[in-house]
Amino acid sequence: MKTKGLFTLAVLALLSLNSIAQENEKRFGFELSTGASWATSKPGDAKLNTGFGFEGIFHYRFMPHTGVYAGWGWNRFGADNSFVGTDVCFEETGYVFGLQYEHPIEAMPLSYYFRAGGLYNHIEIENADGDIIGDTGHGLGFQLAAGIDYALGKNWSITPELKFNYLSGDVEMEGVSTTLNHNYISLRVGFVKRF
């Protein structure tokens, strides 16, 4: 009886230590990422040059490997020739939200992750002077991403990742409506601070 009681107390103590350790793991994070983007479609038959963008997102891990994220992003692509003239820019801005699955690789300060989420963005067309000459208005799209999270210490990580964004919207210019299917791949590098 005494051995059984000591064994039960030892198991309960180990379980409580494990739950305390899990509670000390950081559940929140903020990530800033930037990098190049390459169009995989021609919005309005415009051939886009290599683009550039950045994103800032908040993370919240609600299960050991699963969490949610939400934030804001901006991407800019130039076009030498397009349906609205020469030397224009296509800028996509708006919000991103979704689910993230992250799993550590044993005995390494490294994890891999996958993200699937939605976009609530719009596409603006700017002329060479920087004036907005067209806007699709906000609409829904989606984002898929995969990357690695390399721990740098003191709750900081670096996160190289590959993303795919899809957004479609209509822009009306001079009485003519044009559908812009804006799809692109991004190679990003980010930094995460967990708290």
N, C-alpha and C. Protein backbone atom coordinates (compact mmCIF):
# COMPACT_ATOMS: atom_id res chain seq x y z
N MET A 1 0.83 -1.20 0.00
CA MET A 1 0.00 0.00 0.00
C MET A 1 0.87 1.26 0.00
N LYS A 2 1.92 1.24 0.82
CA LYS A 2 2.78 2.40 0.90
C LYS A 2 3.51 2.64 -0.42
N THR A 3 3.96 1.59 -1.10
CA THR A 3 4.64 1.70 -2.39
C THR A 3 3.68 2.25 -3.44
N LYS A 4 2.44 1.78 -3.41
CA LYS A 4 1.44 2.26 -4.36
C LYS A 4 1.17 3.75 -4.18
N GLY A 5 1.10 4.19 -2.95
CA GLY A 5 0.87 5.62 -2.65
C GLY A 5 2.04 6.48 -3.11
N LEU A 6 3.28 6.03 -2.84
CA LEU A 6 4.46 6.78 -3.28
C LEU A 6 4.55 6.84 -4.81
N PHE A 7 4.21 5.72 -5.46
CA PHE A 7 4.23 5.70 -6.92
C PHE A 7 3.20 6.69 -7.49
N THR A 8 2.01 6.72 -6.90
CA THR A 8 0.96 7.66 -7.33
C THR A 8 1.40 9.10 -7.15
N LEU A 9 2.01 9.40 -5.99
CA LEU A 9 2.51 10.76 -5.76
C LEU A 9 3.61 11.14 -6.75
N ALA A 10 4.48 10.21 -7.07
CA ALA A 10 5.56 10.49 -8.02
C ALA A 10 5.00 10.76 -9.41
N VAL A 11 4.01 9.98 -9.84
CA VAL A 11 3.39 10.20 -11.15
C VAL A 11 2.69 11.54 -11.18
N LEU A 12 1.96 11.89 -10.14
CA LEU A 12 1.27 13.18 -10.08
C LEU A 12 2.27 14.34 -10.10
N ALA A 13 3.37 14.19 -9.41
CA ALA A 13 4.40 15.24 -9.39
C ALA A 13 5.00 15.43 -10.79
N LEU A 14 5.29 14.32 -11.47
CA LEU A 14 5.84 14.42 -12.83
C LEU A 14 4.84 15.07 -13.78
N LEU A 15 3.57 14.71 -13.66
CA LEU A 15 2.55 15.31 -14.52
C LEU A 15 2.41 16.80 -14.26
N SER A 16 2.47 17.20 -12.99
CA SER A 16 2.34 18.63 -12.70
C SER A 16 3.56 19.41 -13.19
N LEU A 17 4.76 18.83 -13.08
CA LEU A 17 5.96 19.49 -13.61
C LEU A 17 5.86 19.64 -15.13
N ASN A 18 5.35 18.62 -15.80
CA ASN A 18 5.20 18.68 -17.25
C ASN A 18 4.21 19.77 -17.64
N SER A 19 3.09 19.89 -16.91
CA SER A 19 2.12 20.93 -17.25
C SER A 19 2.67 22.32 -16.95
N ILE A 20 3.48 22.46 -15.90
CA ILE A 20 4.11 23.76 -15.61
C ILE A 20 5.09 24.12 -16.71
N ALA A 21 5.86 23.14 -17.19
CA ALA A 21 6.81 23.40 -18.27
C ALA A 21 6.08 23.83 -19.53
N GLN A 22 4.93 23.18 -19.82
CA GLN A 22 4.18 23.57 -20.99
C GLN A 22 3.61 24.97 -20.85
N GLU A 23 3.20 25.34 -19.65
CA GLU A 23 2.66 26.68 -19.44
C GLU A 23 3.73 27.75 -19.61
N ASN A 24 5.01 27.39 -19.34
CA ASN A 24 6.09 28.37 -19.48
C ASN A 24 6.51 28.58 -20.93
N GLU A 25 6.09 27.68 -21.83
CA GLU A 25 6.39 27.87 -23.24
C GLU A 25 5.62 29.09 -23.74
N LYS A 26 6.25 29.88 -24.56
CA LYS A 26 5.63 31.10 -25.07
C LYS A 26 4.54 30.75 -26.08
N ARG A 27 3.37 31.33 -25.91
CA ARG A 27 2.23 31.04 -26.79
C ARG A 27 2.02 32.13 -27.84
N PHE A 28 2.49 33.35 -27.57
CA PHE A 28 2.29 34.47 -28.49
C PHE A 28 3.58 34.78 -29.24
N GLY A 29 3.44 35.34 -30.41
CA GLY A 29 4.61 35.77 -31.17
C GLY A 29 4.23 36.86 -32.15
N PHE A 30 5.23 37.65 -32.53
CA PHE A 30 5.07 38.67 -33.57
C PHE A 30 6.17 38.45 -34.59
N GLU A 31 5.79 38.42 -35.87
CA GLU A 31 6.74 38.14 -36.94
C GLU A 31 6.72 39.25 -37.99
N LEU A 32 7.89 39.69 -38.39
CA LEU A 32 8.06 40.59 -39.52
C LEU A 32 8.86 39.85 -40.59
N SER A 33 8.33 39.83 -41.82
CA SER A 33 9.05 39.14 -42.90
C SER A 33 9.05 40.01 -44.15
N THR A 34 10.06 39.78 -44.99
CA THR A 34 10.19 40.54 -46.23
C THR A 34 10.88 39.66 -47.26
N GLY A 35 10.73 40.02 -48.53
CA GLY A 35 11.40 39.27 -49.58
C GLY A 35 10.83 39.54 -50.95
N ALA A 36 11.32 38.77 -51.92
CA ALA A 36 10.95 38.92 -53.32
C ALA A 36 9.73 38.09 -53.65
N SER A 37 9.01 38.52 -54.71
CA SER A 37 7.82 37.82 -55.19
C SER A 37 7.88 37.70 -56.71
N TRP A 38 7.33 36.57 -57.22
CA TRP A 38 7.30 36.32 -58.66
C TRP A 38 5.88 35.98 -59.07
N ALA A 39 5.33 36.73 -60.00
CA ALA A 39 3.96 36.51 -60.47
C ALA A 39 3.85 35.17 -61.20
N THR A 40 2.76 34.46 -60.96
CA THR A 40 2.47 33.21 -61.68
C THR A 40 1.27 33.40 -62.61
N SER A 41 0.78 34.62 -62.70
CA SER A 41 -0.33 34.95 -63.60
C SER A 41 -0.09 36.34 -64.17
N LYS A 42 -0.91 36.72 -65.13
CA LYS A 42 -0.82 38.05 -65.74
C LYS A 42 -2.14 38.78 -65.47
N PRO A 43 -2.20 39.58 -64.39
CA PRO A 43 -3.45 40.28 -64.11
C PRO A 43 -3.80 41.26 -65.22
N GLY A 44 -4.97 41.04 -65.85
CA GLY A 44 -5.35 41.90 -66.96
C GLY A 44 -4.38 41.80 -68.12
N ASP A 45 -3.74 40.65 -68.31
CA ASP A 45 -2.74 40.41 -69.35
C ASP A 45 -1.49 41.27 -69.21
N ALA A 46 -1.23 41.80 -68.00
CA ALA A 46 -0.01 42.58 -67.75
C ALA A 46 1.09 41.64 -67.28
N LYS A 47 2.25 41.71 -67.93
CA LYS A 47 3.40 40.92 -67.49
C LYS A 47 4.10 41.69 -66.37
N LEU A 48 4.07 41.10 -65.18
CA LEU A 48 4.63 41.78 -64.01
C LEU A 48 6.11 41.45 -63.83
N ASN A 49 6.87 42.45 -63.43
CA ASN A 49 8.28 42.26 -63.08
C ASN A 49 8.37 41.62 -61.70
N THR A 50 9.57 41.23 -61.30
CA THR A 50 9.78 40.70 -59.95
C THR A 50 9.33 41.73 -58.94
N GLY A 51 8.59 41.27 -57.94
CA GLY A 51 8.04 42.18 -56.93
C GLY A 51 8.77 42.09 -55.61
N PHE A 52 8.27 42.87 -54.67
CA PHE A 52 8.85 42.96 -53.34
C PHE A 52 7.72 43.22 -52.35
N GLY A 53 7.85 42.69 -51.14
CA GLY A 53 6.81 42.95 -50.15
C GLY A 53 7.26 42.64 -48.74
N PHE A 54 6.36 42.92 -47.80
CA PHE A 54 6.60 42.58 -46.40
C PHE A 54 5.27 42.25 -45.73
N GLU A 55 5.38 41.63 -44.57
CA GLU A 55 4.20 41.21 -43.82
C GLU A 55 4.51 41.25 -42.33
N GLY A 56 3.55 41.65 -41.54
CA GLY A 56 3.65 41.61 -40.09
C GLY A 56 2.47 40.83 -39.54
N ILE A 57 2.75 39.77 -38.79
CA ILE A 57 1.65 38.94 -38.27
C ILE A 57 1.86 38.61 -36.80
N PHE A 58 0.75 38.43 -36.11
CA PHE A 58 0.72 37.94 -34.73
C PHE A 58 0.35 36.47 -34.75
N HIS A 59 1.01 35.68 -33.87
CA HIS A 59 0.73 34.26 -33.73
C HIS A 59 0.14 34.01 -32.35
N TYR A 60 -0.74 33.01 -32.27
CA TYR A 60 -1.18 32.51 -30.97
C TYR A 60 -1.28 30.99 -31.07
N ARG A 61 -0.50 30.28 -30.27
CA ARG A 61 -0.51 28.81 -30.26
C ARG A 61 -1.49 28.36 -29.19
N PHE A 62 -2.57 27.68 -29.61
CA PHE A 62 -3.58 27.22 -28.66
C PHE A 62 -3.48 25.72 -28.38
N MET A 63 -2.68 24.99 -29.13
CA MET A 63 -2.39 23.58 -28.90
C MET A 63 -0.88 23.40 -29.05
N PRO A 64 -0.34 22.24 -28.64
CA PRO A 64 1.12 22.09 -28.69
C PRO A 64 1.76 22.39 -30.06
N HIS A 65 1.08 22.05 -31.15
CA HIS A 65 1.67 22.27 -32.48
C HIS A 65 0.80 23.13 -33.39
N THR A 66 -0.31 23.60 -32.91
CA THR A 66 -1.28 24.29 -33.76
C THR A 66 -1.61 25.66 -33.21
N GLY A 67 -1.72 26.63 -34.11
CA GLY A 67 -2.06 27.98 -33.69
C GLY A 67 -2.77 28.74 -34.79
N VAL A 68 -3.08 29.96 -34.50
CA VAL A 68 -3.71 30.87 -35.46
C VAL A 68 -2.78 32.05 -35.68
N TYR A 69 -2.97 32.74 -36.79
CA TYR A 69 -2.19 33.94 -37.06
C TYR A 69 -3.07 34.95 -37.78
N ALA A 70 -2.71 36.22 -37.64
CA ALA A 70 -3.42 37.30 -38.34
C ALA A 70 -2.47 38.48 -38.44
N GLY A 71 -2.61 39.25 -39.53
CA GLY A 71 -1.74 40.40 -39.71
C GLY A 71 -2.06 41.18 -40.96
N TRP A 72 -1.07 41.94 -41.42
CA TRP A 72 -1.22 42.84 -42.57
C TRP A 72 -0.02 42.68 -43.48
N GLY A 73 -0.25 42.80 -44.79
CA GLY A 73 0.85 42.66 -45.74
C GLY A 73 0.74 43.61 -46.90
N TRP A 74 1.86 43.81 -47.60
CA TRP A 74 1.96 44.70 -48.77
C TRP A 74 2.89 44.06 -49.77
N ASN A 75 2.50 44.06 -51.04
CA ASN A 75 3.34 43.57 -52.13
C ASN A 75 3.23 44.52 -53.31
N ARG A 76 4.35 44.75 -53.98
CA ARG A 76 4.38 45.69 -55.11
C ARG A 76 5.07 45.04 -56.30
N PHE A 77 4.41 45.11 -57.45
CA PHE A 77 4.96 44.61 -58.71
C PHE A 77 4.93 45.72 -59.73
N GLY A 78 6.03 45.95 -60.42
CA GLY A 78 6.06 46.89 -61.53
C GLY A 78 5.70 46.19 -62.83
N ALA A 79 5.21 46.97 -63.81
CA ALA A 79 4.91 46.43 -65.14
C ALA A 79 5.35 47.47 -66.16
N ASP A 80 6.20 47.05 -67.09
CA ASP A 80 6.66 47.97 -68.13
C ASP A 80 5.53 48.32 -69.10
N ASN A 81 4.70 47.33 -69.43
CA ASN A 81 3.54 47.52 -70.31
C ASN A 81 2.34 46.81 -69.71
N SER A 82 1.17 47.44 -69.78
CA SER A 82 -0.05 46.82 -69.27
C SER A 82 -1.25 47.39 -70.00
N PHE A 83 -2.43 46.91 -69.65
CA PHE A 83 -3.66 47.38 -70.28
C PHE A 83 -3.98 48.84 -69.92
N VAL A 84 -3.27 49.41 -68.93
CA VAL A 84 -3.50 50.81 -68.55
C VAL A 84 -2.34 51.73 -68.95
N GLY A 85 -1.38 51.19 -69.67
CA GLY A 85 -0.27 52.02 -70.11
C GLY A 85 1.08 51.45 -69.72
N THR A 86 2.10 52.29 -69.83
CA THR A 86 3.46 51.85 -69.52
C THR A 86 3.89 52.37 -68.15
N ASP A 87 4.87 51.68 -67.59
CA ASP A 87 5.49 52.09 -66.32
C ASP A 87 4.45 52.28 -65.21
N VAL A 88 3.72 51.20 -64.92
CA VAL A 88 2.72 51.22 -63.84
C VAL A 88 3.11 50.21 -62.77
N CYS A 89 2.48 50.32 -61.60
CA CYS A 89 2.71 49.40 -60.49
C CYS A 89 1.39 48.79 -60.05
N PHE A 90 1.44 47.53 -59.68
CA PHE A 90 0.31 46.82 -59.09
C PHE A 90 0.67 46.58 -57.63
N GLU A 91 -0.08 47.18 -56.72
CA GLU A 91 0.17 47.02 -55.29
C GLU A 91 -0.99 46.29 -54.65
N GLU A 92 -0.65 45.23 -53.92
CA GLU A 92 -1.66 44.47 -53.17
C GLU A 92 -1.43 44.74 -51.69
N THR A 93 -2.45 45.19 -51.01
CA THR A 93 -2.36 45.41 -49.57
C THR A 93 -3.60 44.85 -48.90
N GLY A 94 -3.45 44.48 -47.65
CA GLY A 94 -4.60 44.01 -46.89
C GLY A 94 -4.21 43.07 -45.78
N TYR A 95 -5.16 42.24 -45.41
CA TYR A 95 -5.07 41.43 -44.20
C TYR A 95 -4.92 39.95 -44.52
N VAL A 96 -4.26 39.25 -43.63
CA VAL A 96 -4.06 37.81 -43.74
C VAL A 96 -4.43 37.16 -42.41
N PHE A 97 -5.01 35.96 -42.47
CA PHE A 97 -5.43 35.25 -41.26
C PHE A 97 -5.48 33.76 -41.58
N GLY A 98 -5.21 32.92 -40.59
CA GLY A 98 -5.27 31.49 -40.86
C GLY A 98 -4.78 30.62 -39.73
N LEU A 99 -4.53 29.35 -40.07
CA LEU A 99 -4.05 28.34 -39.14
C LEU A 99 -2.61 27.98 -39.45
N GLN A 100 -1.86 27.63 -38.41
CA GLN A 100 -0.47 27.23 -38.56
C GLN A 100 -0.23 25.94 -37.79
N TYR A 101 0.48 25.00 -38.44
CA TYR A 101 0.92 23.78 -37.79
C TYR A 101 2.44 23.82 -37.77
N GLU A 102 3.03 23.71 -36.57
CA GLU A 102 4.49 23.75 -36.43
C GLU A 102 4.95 22.56 -35.61
N HIS A 103 5.99 21.88 -36.08
CA HIS A 103 6.49 20.70 -35.39
C HIS A 103 8.01 20.77 -35.25
N PRO A 104 8.53 20.57 -34.04
CA PRO A 104 9.99 20.61 -33.85
C PRO A 104 10.68 19.39 -34.44
N ILE A 105 11.92 19.56 -34.86
CA ILE A 105 12.76 18.46 -35.30
C ILE A 105 13.63 18.08 -34.10
N GLU A 106 13.60 16.81 -33.74
CA GLU A 106 14.25 16.35 -32.51
C GLU A 106 15.71 16.77 -32.40
N ALA A 107 16.09 17.14 -31.20
CA ALA A 107 17.47 17.46 -30.82
C ALA A 107 18.07 18.59 -31.65
N MET A 108 17.23 19.45 -32.20
CA MET A 108 17.73 20.58 -32.98
C MET A 108 16.90 21.82 -32.62
N PRO A 109 17.48 23.00 -32.74
CA PRO A 109 16.71 24.24 -32.48
C PRO A 109 15.90 24.64 -33.72
N LEU A 110 15.27 23.65 -34.37
CA LEU A 110 14.66 23.84 -35.67
C LEU A 110 13.27 23.20 -35.69
N SER A 111 12.32 23.90 -36.31
CA SER A 111 10.97 23.38 -36.52
C SER A 111 10.58 23.64 -37.96
N TYR A 112 9.68 22.83 -38.47
CA TYR A 112 9.08 23.12 -39.78
C TYR A 112 7.63 23.51 -39.56
N TYR A 113 7.08 24.31 -40.46
CA TYR A 113 5.69 24.71 -40.29
C TYR A 113 4.98 24.84 -41.63
N PHE A 114 3.66 24.73 -41.55
CA PHE A 114 2.76 24.91 -42.68
C PHE A 114 1.68 25.90 -42.27
N ARG A 115 1.28 26.76 -43.20
CA ARG A 115 0.21 27.71 -42.95
C ARG A 115 -0.81 27.64 -44.09
N ALA A 116 -2.06 27.79 -43.72
CA ALA A 116 -3.15 27.89 -44.70
C ALA A 116 -4.09 28.96 -44.18
N GLY A 117 -4.35 29.95 -45.03
CA GLY A 117 -5.18 31.05 -44.54
C GLY A 117 -5.87 31.81 -45.64
N GLY A 118 -6.57 32.82 -45.21
CA GLY A 118 -7.31 33.68 -46.12
C GLY A 118 -6.67 35.04 -46.22
N LEU A 119 -7.02 35.73 -47.29
CA LEU A 119 -6.61 37.11 -47.51
C LEU A 119 -7.86 37.97 -47.63
N TYR A 120 -7.79 39.17 -47.14
CA TYR A 120 -8.82 40.18 -47.41
C TYR A 120 -8.06 41.40 -47.90
N ASN A 121 -7.75 41.40 -49.20
CA ASN A 121 -6.85 42.37 -49.80
C ASN A 121 -7.49 43.10 -50.97
N HIS A 122 -6.81 44.13 -51.44
CA HIS A 122 -7.22 44.82 -52.66
C HIS A 122 -5.98 45.12 -53.49
N ILE A 123 -6.20 45.34 -54.79
CA ILE A 123 -5.12 45.63 -55.72
C ILE A 123 -5.31 47.06 -56.23
N GLU A 124 -4.28 47.86 -56.04
CA GLU A 124 -4.28 49.23 -56.56
C GLU A 124 -3.32 49.30 -57.75
N ILE A 125 -3.70 50.06 -58.74
CA ILE A 125 -2.83 50.30 -59.89
C ILE A 125 -2.39 51.75 -59.82
N GLU A 126 -1.06 51.96 -59.84
CA GLU A 126 -0.51 53.31 -59.75
C GLU A 126 0.26 53.65 -61.03
N ASN A 127 0.15 54.89 -61.47
CA ASN A 127 0.90 55.33 -62.64
C ASN A 127 2.33 55.71 -62.23
N ALA A 128 3.12 56.18 -63.18
CA ALA A 128 4.53 56.52 -62.93
C ALA A 128 4.69 57.64 -61.92
N ASP A 129 3.67 58.50 -61.77
CA ASP A 129 3.73 59.60 -60.79
C ASP A 129 3.32 59.16 -59.39
N GLY A 130 2.89 57.90 -59.23
CA GLY A 130 2.46 57.40 -57.93
C GLY A 130 0.99 57.65 -57.64
N ASP A 131 0.22 58.11 -58.63
CA ASP A 131 -1.22 58.34 -58.45
C ASP A 131 -1.97 57.03 -58.64
N ILE A 132 -2.97 56.78 -57.80
CA ILE A 132 -3.80 55.59 -57.93
C ILE A 132 -4.78 55.82 -59.07
N ILE A 133 -4.70 54.95 -60.08
CA ILE A 133 -5.59 55.08 -61.24
C ILE A 133 -6.61 53.94 -61.31
N GLY A 134 -6.50 52.96 -60.42
CA GLY A 134 -7.46 51.86 -60.37
C GLY A 134 -7.37 51.13 -59.06
N ASP A 135 -8.52 50.58 -58.59
CA ASP A 135 -8.57 49.86 -57.32
C ASP A 135 -9.68 48.81 -57.41
N THR A 136 -9.35 47.57 -57.06
CA THR A 136 -10.33 46.49 -57.11
C THR A 136 -11.29 46.51 -55.93
N GLY A 137 -10.95 47.21 -54.87
CA GLY A 137 -11.71 47.08 -53.63
C GLY A 137 -11.31 45.78 -52.94
N HIS A 138 -11.55 45.69 -51.66
CA HIS A 138 -11.15 44.50 -50.90
C HIS A 138 -11.99 43.29 -51.30
N GLY A 139 -11.32 42.15 -51.36
CA GLY A 139 -11.97 40.89 -51.66
C GLY A 139 -11.20 39.75 -51.02
N LEU A 140 -11.82 38.58 -51.01
CA LEU A 140 -11.22 37.41 -50.37
C LEU A 140 -10.32 36.64 -51.33
N GLY A 141 -9.25 36.12 -50.79
CA GLY A 141 -8.32 35.26 -51.51
C GLY A 141 -7.77 34.25 -50.52
N PHE A 142 -6.70 33.55 -50.90
CA PHE A 142 -6.10 32.61 -49.95
C PHE A 142 -4.58 32.63 -50.06
N GLN A 143 -3.96 32.08 -49.01
CA GLN A 143 -2.50 32.01 -48.91
C GLN A 143 -2.11 30.64 -48.38
N LEU A 144 -1.09 30.04 -48.98
CA LEU A 144 -0.48 28.80 -48.49
C LEU A 144 1.00 29.08 -48.27
N ALA A 145 1.57 28.52 -47.19
CA ALA A 145 2.98 28.78 -46.89
C ALA A 145 3.60 27.57 -46.21
N ALA A 146 4.91 27.45 -46.37
CA ALA A 146 5.69 26.42 -45.68
C ALA A 146 7.06 27.03 -45.40
N GLY A 147 7.61 26.67 -44.23
CA GLY A 147 8.92 27.22 -43.90
C GLY A 147 9.54 26.50 -42.73
N ILE A 148 10.66 27.06 -42.28
CA ILE A 148 11.35 26.53 -41.11
C ILE A 148 11.51 27.67 -40.09
N ASP A 149 11.55 27.28 -38.85
CA ASP A 149 11.72 28.22 -37.74
C ASP A 149 13.00 27.80 -37.02
N TYR A 150 14.03 28.63 -37.10
CA TYR A 150 15.31 28.33 -36.47
C TYR A 150 15.47 29.23 -35.25
N ALA A 151 15.53 28.62 -34.06
CA ALA A 151 15.62 29.37 -32.81
C ALA A 151 17.00 30.01 -32.68
N LEU A 152 17.00 31.33 -32.41
CA LEU A 152 18.25 32.08 -32.22
C LEU A 152 18.58 32.28 -30.75
N GLY A 153 17.64 31.98 -29.87
CA GLY A 153 17.83 32.18 -28.44
C GLY A 153 17.05 33.36 -27.92
N LYS A 154 16.77 33.36 -26.61
CA LYS A 154 16.04 34.44 -25.94
C LYS A 154 14.73 34.76 -26.65
N ASN A 155 14.00 33.70 -27.08
CA ASN A 155 12.67 33.81 -27.69
C ASN A 155 12.67 34.48 -29.06
N TRP A 156 13.81 34.49 -29.76
CA TRP A 156 13.89 35.00 -31.12
C TRP A 156 14.13 33.85 -32.09
N SER A 157 13.54 33.95 -33.28
CA SER A 157 13.73 32.95 -34.33
C SER A 157 13.85 33.64 -35.68
N ILE A 158 14.49 32.94 -36.62
CA ILE A 158 14.50 33.38 -38.01
C ILE A 158 13.65 32.38 -38.79
N THR A 159 12.85 32.89 -39.75
CA THR A 159 11.88 32.03 -40.42
C THR A 159 11.90 32.21 -41.94
N PRO A 160 12.79 31.51 -42.65
CA PRO A 160 12.70 31.52 -44.10
C PRO A 160 11.49 30.70 -44.54
N GLU A 161 10.74 31.21 -45.54
CA GLU A 161 9.54 30.50 -45.98
C GLU A 161 9.22 30.77 -47.44
N LEU A 162 8.39 29.90 -47.99
CA LEU A 162 7.88 30.02 -49.35
C LEU A 162 6.37 30.16 -49.25
N LYS A 163 5.81 31.19 -49.94
CA LYS A 163 4.37 31.46 -49.87
C LYS A 163 3.77 31.48 -51.27
N PHE A 164 2.48 31.13 -51.33
CA PHE A 164 1.70 31.30 -52.54
C PHE A 164 0.46 32.09 -52.18
N ASN A 165 0.22 33.20 -52.88
CA ASN A 165 -0.97 34.04 -52.66
C ASN A 165 -1.84 34.01 -53.91
N TYR A 166 -3.15 33.96 -53.69
CA TYR A 166 -4.12 34.03 -54.79
C TYR A 166 -5.17 35.08 -54.44
N LEU A 167 -5.38 36.03 -55.35
CA LEU A 167 -6.40 37.06 -55.17
C LEU A 167 -6.95 37.43 -56.54
N SER A 168 -8.25 37.59 -56.62
CA SER A 168 -8.89 37.99 -57.86
C SER A 168 -9.86 39.13 -57.56
N GLY A 169 -9.91 40.10 -58.46
CA GLY A 169 -10.83 41.22 -58.31
C GLY A 169 -11.02 41.94 -59.62
N ASP A 170 -12.08 42.70 -59.72
CA ASP A 170 -12.36 43.47 -60.93
C ASP A 170 -12.04 44.93 -60.70
N VAL A 171 -11.46 45.56 -61.71
CA VAL A 171 -11.19 46.99 -61.67
C VAL A 171 -11.90 47.63 -62.86
N GLU A 172 -12.56 48.75 -62.63
CA GLU A 172 -13.23 49.45 -63.71
C GLU A 172 -12.49 50.74 -64.03
N MET A 173 -12.10 50.88 -65.30
CA MET A 173 -11.37 52.06 -65.74
C MET A 173 -11.95 52.52 -67.06
N GLU A 174 -12.38 53.77 -67.09
CA GLU A 174 -12.97 54.39 -68.28
C GLU A 174 -14.12 53.56 -68.82
N GLY A 175 -14.96 53.06 -67.91
CA GLY A 175 -16.15 52.31 -68.29
C GLY A 175 -15.90 50.87 -68.70
N VAL A 176 -14.66 50.41 -68.62
CA VAL A 176 -14.34 49.03 -68.99
C VAL A 176 -13.91 48.28 -67.73
N SER A 177 -14.55 47.12 -67.48
CA SER A 177 -14.22 46.29 -66.32
C SER A 177 -13.22 45.21 -66.73
N THR A 178 -12.15 45.09 -65.96
CA THR A 178 -11.10 44.10 -66.23
C THR A 178 -10.90 43.25 -64.98
N THR A 179 -10.86 41.94 -65.17
CA THR A 179 -10.61 41.02 -64.05
C THR A 179 -9.11 40.86 -63.86
N LEU A 180 -8.67 41.06 -62.62
CA LEU A 180 -7.26 40.90 -62.28
C LEU A 180 -7.11 39.64 -61.43
N ASN A 181 -6.55 38.59 -62.03
CA ASN A 181 -6.18 37.39 -61.28
C ASN A 181 -4.72 37.55 -60.89
N HIS A 182 -4.52 37.80 -59.61
CA HIS A 182 -3.18 38.13 -59.12
C HIS A 182 -2.67 36.99 -58.26
N ASN A 183 -1.84 36.13 -58.85
CA ASN A 183 -1.27 34.98 -58.15
C ASN A 183 0.24 35.12 -58.17
N TYR A 184 0.88 34.80 -57.05
CA TYR A 184 2.33 34.92 -57.03
C TYR A 184 2.94 34.06 -55.92
N ILE A 185 4.22 33.76 -56.12
CA ILE A 185 5.02 33.02 -55.14
C ILE A 185 5.99 34.01 -54.51
N SER A 186 6.17 33.90 -53.20
CA SER A 186 7.10 34.77 -52.48
C SER A 186 8.12 33.93 -51.73
N LEU A 187 9.35 34.38 -51.74
CA LEU A 187 10.40 33.82 -50.91
C LEU A 187 10.69 34.87 -49.84
N ARG A 188 10.38 34.53 -48.60
CA ARG A 188 10.47 35.50 -47.51
C ARG A 188 11.43 35.04 -46.44
N VAL A 189 11.99 36.00 -45.73
CA VAL A 189 12.78 35.74 -44.53
C VAL A 189 12.20 36.64 -43.44
N GLY A 190 11.88 36.03 -42.31
CA GLY A 190 11.28 36.79 -41.23
C GLY A 190 11.99 36.58 -39.92
N PHE A 191 11.65 37.44 -38.96
CA PHE A 191 12.13 37.30 -37.59
C PHE A 191 10.93 37.28 -36.67
N VAL A 192 10.94 36.35 -35.71
CA VAL A 192 9.84 36.18 -34.77
C VAL A 192 10.33 36.46 -33.37
N LYS A 193 9.55 37.22 -32.62
CA LYS A 193 9.77 37.41 -31.19
C LYS A 193 8.61 36.78 -30.46
N ARG A 194 8.90 35.84 -29.59
CA ARG A 194 7.84 35.16 -28.81
C ARG A 194 7.75 35.78 -27.42
N PHE A 195 6.55 35.86 -26.91
CA PHE A 195 6.33 36.41 -25.58
C PHE A 195 5.14 35.75 -24.92
